[in-house]
Amino acid sequence: MAVTLIAGVLLLPGMAIGAPDNNETVIQSNGKLLSAMPKPAPESRRIILPSAIQASELYGFGLQHRNASIQYSIFSKEFKKVMYPKFVELNWVTGVSSPWITKYEVTKETVINPNSEIIEMRLDTATSSGPAPSILLTISLVQEKDSWVITGVTSDPELPRGGLPRK
């Protein structure tokens, strides 16, 4: 399911298309310049995630692929304001070469009320030497309009260069 969702995120026209404003990293695709920095998508073009678990799984996919644009796309407006400068500092690449995430799995869903949930997720990791300790995430989500968004993430231990705030 996350693969289907990610395909939709990557194809959103407002997400990563645009000419560079200044010294942004730029890549070429079909002869067009694409900025590596996400551009705000019009409200009508945002991704709709009908469940908190789907939003959490897409976040896990973004972490596994070290793609801050994917992670950022499912943050609430307030959390985007907090995370934007951190992601810019990381050049929109989260995580490091080692350890890497081999698997992510939702381990617990706690419904606070119809519009608020807390998801616990386990990230299994590895290094070139073999399996590494798992990382546990606590993801806070709310329903905004017709989609679930992430309002906060904590981890124990903290992900390296992951841009995650600690408790």
Protein backbone atom coordinates (compact mmCIF):
# COMPACT_ATOMS: atom_id res chain seq x y z
CA MET A 1 0.00 0.00 0.00
CA ALA A 2 2.81 2.42 0.84
CA VAL A 3 4.26 1.94 -2.65
CA THR A 4 0.97 3.00 -4.22
CA LEU A 5 0.78 6.01 -1.93
CA ILE A 6 4.35 7.01 -2.66
CA ALA A 7 3.76 6.90 -6.38
CA GLY A 8 0.95 9.39 -5.87
CA VAL A 9 3.13 11.64 -3.72
CA LEU A 10 5.96 11.66 -6.22
CA LEU A 11 3.63 12.52 -9.07
CA LEU A 12 1.87 15.44 -7.38
CA PRO A 13 2.56 18.41 -9.66
CA GLY A 14 3.07 20.94 -6.87
CA MET A 15 5.30 18.75 -4.75
CA ALA A 16 8.75 19.04 -6.29
CA ILE A 17 8.39 20.77 -9.61
CA GLY A 18 9.70 24.25 -10.16
CA ALA A 19 12.67 26.28 -11.26
CA PRO A 20 15.30 27.03 -8.62
CA ASP A 21 14.84 30.26 -6.71
CA ASN A 22 18.54 30.71 -5.88
CA ASN A 23 21.20 28.08 -5.18
CA GLU A 24 18.89 25.10 -4.64
CA THR A 25 19.99 21.66 -5.76
CA VAL A 26 18.52 20.95 -9.18
CA ILE A 27 18.05 17.71 -11.11
CA GLN A 28 17.07 17.11 -14.73
CA SER A 29 14.06 15.07 -15.80
CA ASN A 30 12.89 14.87 -19.41
CA GLY A 31 14.80 18.05 -20.17
CA LYS A 32 13.04 20.01 -17.43
CA LEU A 33 14.66 21.38 -14.31
CA LEU A 34 13.23 19.98 -11.09
CA SER A 35 14.06 21.52 -7.77
CA ALA A 36 15.06 19.14 -4.97
CA MET A 37 13.18 21.41 -2.56
CA PRO A 38 9.47 20.70 -2.23
CA LYS A 39 7.09 23.36 -3.42
CA PRO A 40 3.71 23.75 -1.76
CA ALA A 41 0.96 21.95 -3.62
CA PRO A 42 -2.42 23.60 -4.04
CA GLU A 43 -4.92 22.38 -1.46
CA SER A 44 -6.85 20.54 -4.17
CA ARG A 45 -3.73 18.54 -5.05
CA ARG A 46 -2.76 17.29 -1.61
CA ILE A 47 -2.58 13.61 -0.82
CA ILE A 48 -5.56 12.19 1.07
CA LEU A 49 -4.74 9.61 3.74
CA PRO A 50 -8.01 8.18 5.09
CA SER A 51 -6.43 6.44 8.12
CA ALA A 52 -3.78 7.24 10.69
CA ILE A 53 -2.10 3.92 9.95
CA GLN A 54 -1.76 4.82 6.25
CA ALA A 55 -0.17 8.15 7.18
CA SER A 56 2.24 6.40 9.56
CA GLU A 57 3.18 3.78 6.97
CA LEU A 58 3.88 6.45 4.38
CA TYR A 59 6.05 8.24 6.96
CA GLY A 60 7.93 4.96 7.56
CA PHE A 61 8.43 4.59 3.81
CA GLY A 62 9.86 8.12 3.66
CA LEU A 63 12.23 7.34 6.52
CA GLN A 64 13.35 4.08 4.95
CA HIS A 65 14.13 5.88 1.69
CA ARG A 66 15.69 8.87 3.48
CA ASN A 67 13.28 11.18 1.69
CA ALA A 68 12.30 14.23 3.72
CA SER A 69 9.90 15.39 0.98
CA ILE A 70 7.73 12.33 1.54
CA GLN A 71 7.86 12.81 5.30
CA TYR A 72 7.11 16.53 5.02
CA SER A 73 4.12 15.94 2.75
CA ILE A 74 2.14 14.30 5.56
CA PHE A 75 2.94 16.77 8.34
CA SER A 76 0.38 19.19 9.75
CA LYS A 77 0.86 22.87 8.87
CA GLU A 78 2.26 23.54 12.35
CA PHE A 79 4.71 20.61 12.25
CA LYS A 80 5.87 21.65 8.78
CA LYS A 81 6.91 25.01 10.26
CA VAL A 82 9.03 23.21 12.87
CA MET A 83 10.60 20.70 10.50
CA TYR A 84 11.18 22.83 7.40
CA PRO A 85 14.43 24.45 8.62
CA LYS A 86 15.75 21.09 9.81
CA PHE A 87 15.03 19.44 6.47
CA VAL A 88 16.60 22.34 4.57
CA GLU A 89 19.73 21.95 6.71
CA LEU A 90 19.80 18.24 5.80
CA ASN A 91 19.28 19.05 2.09
CA TRP A 92 16.06 17.02 2.26
CA VAL A 93 17.95 13.75 2.89
CA THR A 94 17.20 12.12 6.24
CA GLY A 95 19.22 9.33 7.75
CA VAL A 96 22.76 8.23 7.08
CA SER A 97 24.38 5.32 5.27
CA SER A 98 24.54 3.23 8.44
CA PRO A 99 22.46 2.09 10.14
CA TRP A 100 19.72 1.84 7.54
CA ILE A 101 16.09 0.88 7.97
CA THR A 102 15.35 -2.65 6.78
CA LYS A 103 11.70 -2.78 7.83
CA TYR A 104 9.07 -0.60 9.49
CA GLU A 105 5.96 -1.87 11.20
CA VAL A 106 3.06 -0.31 13.09
CA THR A 107 3.02 -2.06 16.46
CA LYS A 108 0.23 -0.22 18.26
CA GLU A 109 -2.63 2.13 17.43
CA THR A 110 -4.21 4.18 20.21
CA VAL A 111 -7.36 6.13 19.39
CA ILE A 112 -7.51 9.28 21.52
CA ASN A 113 -10.76 10.50 19.96
CA PRO A 114 -12.30 10.28 16.46
CA ASN A 115 -9.86 12.94 15.19
CA SER A 116 -6.69 12.08 17.10
CA GLU A 117 -4.49 8.98 17.34
CA ILE A 118 -1.08 7.88 18.51
CA ILE A 119 0.74 5.25 16.47
CA GLU A 120 3.74 3.31 17.71
CA MET A 121 6.07 2.05 15.00
CA ARG A 122 9.15 -0.14 15.13
CA LEU A 123 11.98 0.46 12.69
CA ASP A 124 14.28 -2.52 12.25
CA THR A 125 17.80 -1.44 11.30
CA ALA A 126 21.03 -2.99 10.06
CA THR A 127 24.64 -2.12 9.40
CA SER A 128 27.26 -3.77 7.24
CA SER A 129 28.02 -5.94 10.29
CA GLY A 130 24.45 -7.25 10.49
CA PRO A 131 21.26 -6.42 12.40
CA ALA A 132 21.31 -3.32 14.60
CA PRO A 133 18.98 -2.27 17.42
CA SER A 134 15.41 -1.38 16.49
CA ILE A 135 14.16 2.17 16.88
CA LEU A 136 10.75 2.83 18.39
CA LEU A 137 8.73 5.79 17.15
CA THR A 138 5.72 7.44 18.70
CA ILE A 139 3.75 9.29 16.02
CA SER A 140 0.99 11.74 16.94
CA LEU A 141 -1.67 12.30 14.28
CA VAL A 142 -4.84 14.30 13.82
CA GLN A 143 -7.47 14.39 11.14
CA GLU A 144 -7.32 17.64 9.17
CA LYS A 145 -10.24 18.06 6.84
CA ASP A 146 -10.50 14.64 5.14
CA SER A 147 -6.95 13.39 5.70
CA TRP A 148 -4.71 12.27 8.57
CA VAL A 149 -1.54 14.31 9.22
CA ILE A 150 1.38 13.95 11.60
CA THR A 151 1.64 16.55 14.37
CA GLY A 152 4.72 15.16 16.09
CA VAL A 153 7.23 12.32 16.19
CA THR A 154 9.50 11.18 18.97
CA SER A 155 11.99 8.35 18.87
CA ASP A 156 13.99 6.32 21.31
CA PRO A 157 16.83 6.29 20.47
CA GLU A 158 17.00 9.27 18.13
CA LEU A 159 17.54 8.51 14.45
CA PRO A 160 20.90 9.74 13.15
CA ARG A 161 20.42 12.85 11.01
CA GLY A 162 16.75 11.95 10.98
CA GLY A 163 15.44 15.37 11.77
CA LEU A 164 13.26 13.97 14.54
CA PRO A 165 12.79 16.01 17.68
CA ARG A 166 13.42 14.12 20.90
CA LYS A 167 11.08 14.22 23.89
